[in-house]
Amino acid sequence: MVASVISWEGFERGGKELPCTPESVRAVLTNPDLWFIAEQIDKAAEDSQAFMTASQST
């Protein structure tokens, strides 16, 4: 799931912007208070149409 996150905006830790690194992504995805983020990524990953361009899906 960590590898599926390629960028983000708006995440902060201690008042500083949190860079989108594998370590930071893992920290967010394993934070019990942010459970809904991992859930949304998991649901999106199940939707194969979300990973295909229009030319591939026709």
C-alpha atoms as a PDB file:
ATOM      1  CA  MET A   1       0.000   0.000   0.000  1.00  0.00           C
ATOM      2  CA  VAL A   2       2.902   2.367   0.716  1.00  0.00           C
ATOM      3  CA  ALA A   3       4.137   2.030  -2.871  1.00  0.00           C
ATOM      4  CA  SER A   4       0.768   3.150  -4.217  1.00  0.00           C
ATOM      5  CA  VAL A   5       1.153   6.634  -2.695  1.00  0.00           C
ATOM      6  CA  ILE A   6       3.170   8.739  -5.133  1.00  0.00           C
ATOM      7  CA  SER A   7       2.542  12.209  -3.699  1.00  0.00           C
ATOM      8  CA  TRP A   8       0.513  14.158  -1.175  1.00  0.00           C
ATOM      9  CA  GLU A   9      -0.172  17.622   0.156  1.00  0.00           C
ATOM     10  CA  GLY A  10      -1.296  18.921   3.511  1.00  0.00           C
ATOM     11  CA  PHE A  11       0.269  16.440   5.904  1.00  0.00           C
ATOM     12  CA  GLU A  12       2.093  18.022   8.824  1.00  0.00           C
ATOM     13  CA  ARG A  13       3.925  16.801  11.891  1.00  0.00           C
ATOM     14  CA  GLY A  14       4.870  19.212  14.643  1.00  0.00           C
ATOM     15  CA  GLY A  15       3.787  22.166  12.511  1.00  0.00           C
ATOM     16  CA  LYS A  16       6.129  21.247   9.647  1.00  0.00           C
ATOM     17  CA  GLU A  17       5.205  19.789   6.277  1.00  0.00           C
ATOM     18  CA  LEU A  18       5.609  16.015   6.227  1.00  0.00           C
ATOM     19  CA  PRO A  19       7.487  14.905   3.096  1.00  0.00           C
ATOM     20  CA  CYS A  20       6.050  12.097   1.011  1.00  0.00           C
ATOM     21  CA  THR A  21       8.685   9.458   1.709  1.00  0.00           C
ATOM     22  CA  PRO A  22       8.059   5.734   2.175  1.00  0.00           C
ATOM     23  CA  GLU A  23       8.749   6.140   5.897  1.00  0.00           C
ATOM     24  CA  SER A  24       6.282   9.023   6.245  1.00  0.00           C
ATOM     25  CA  VAL A  25       3.628   7.226   4.211  1.00  0.00           C
ATOM     26  CA  ARG A  26       4.029   4.123   6.368  1.00  0.00           C
ATOM     27  CA  ALA A  27       3.703   6.233   9.519  1.00  0.00           C
ATOM     28  CA  VAL A  28       0.462   7.785   8.272  1.00  0.00           C
ATOM     29  CA  LEU A  29      -0.999   4.496   7.059  1.00  0.00           C
ATOM     30  CA  THR A  30      -0.273   2.720  10.330  1.00  0.00           C
ATOM     31  CA  ASN A  31      -1.590   5.547  12.527  1.00  0.00           C
ATOM     32  CA  PRO A  32      -4.808   4.237  14.123  1.00  0.00           C
ATOM     33  CA  ASP A  33      -6.277   7.755  14.129  1.00  0.00           C
ATOM     34  CA  LEU A  34      -5.920   7.911  10.334  1.00  0.00           C
ATOM     35  CA  TRP A  35      -7.417   4.469   9.585  1.00  0.00           C
ATOM     36  CA  PHE A  36      -9.696   5.913   6.916  1.00  0.00           C
ATOM     37  CA  ILE A  37      -6.774   6.860   4.650  1.00  0.00           C
ATOM     38  CA  ALA A  38      -5.559   3.268   4.337  1.00  0.00           C
ATOM     39  CA  GLU A  39      -9.161   2.165   3.812  1.00  0.00           C
ATOM     40  CA  GLN A  40      -9.613   4.600   0.917  1.00  0.00           C
ATOM     41  CA  ILE A  41      -6.359   3.487  -0.721  1.00  0.00           C
ATOM     42  CA  ASP A  42      -7.391  -0.148  -0.362  1.00  0.00           C
ATOM     43  CA  LYS A  43     -10.784   0.503  -1.971  1.00  0.00           C
ATOM     44  CA  ALA A  44      -9.192   2.442  -4.833  1.00  0.00           C
ATOM     45  CA  ALA A  45      -6.730  -0.400  -5.441  1.00  0.00           C
ATOM     46  CA  GLU A  46      -9.636  -2.811  -5.865  1.00  0.00           C
ATOM     47  CA  ASP A  47     -11.034  -0.652  -8.693  1.00  0.00           C
ATOM     48  CA  SER A  48      -9.034  -1.767 -11.733  1.00  0.00           C
ATOM     49  CA  GLN A  49     -10.651   0.953 -13.871  1.00  0.00           C
ATOM     50  CA  ALA A  50      -8.881   3.575 -11.733  1.00  0.00           C
ATOM     51  CA  PHE A  51      -5.526   2.244 -12.946  1.00  0.00           C
ATOM     52  CA  MET A  52      -6.261   2.210 -16.665  1.00  0.00           C
ATOM     53  CA  THR A  53      -6.226   5.049 -19.162  1.00  0.00           C
ATOM     54  CA  ALA A  54      -9.203   5.498 -21.473  1.00  0.00           C
ATOM     55  CA  SER A  55      -7.356   3.785 -24.347  1.00  0.00           C
ATOM     56  CA  GLN A  56      -6.588   0.723 -22.249  1.00  0.00           C
ATOM     57  CA  SER A  57     -10.116   0.292 -20.924  1.00  0.00           C
ATOM     58  CA  THR A  58     -11.880   0.365 -24.303  1.00  0.00           C
END
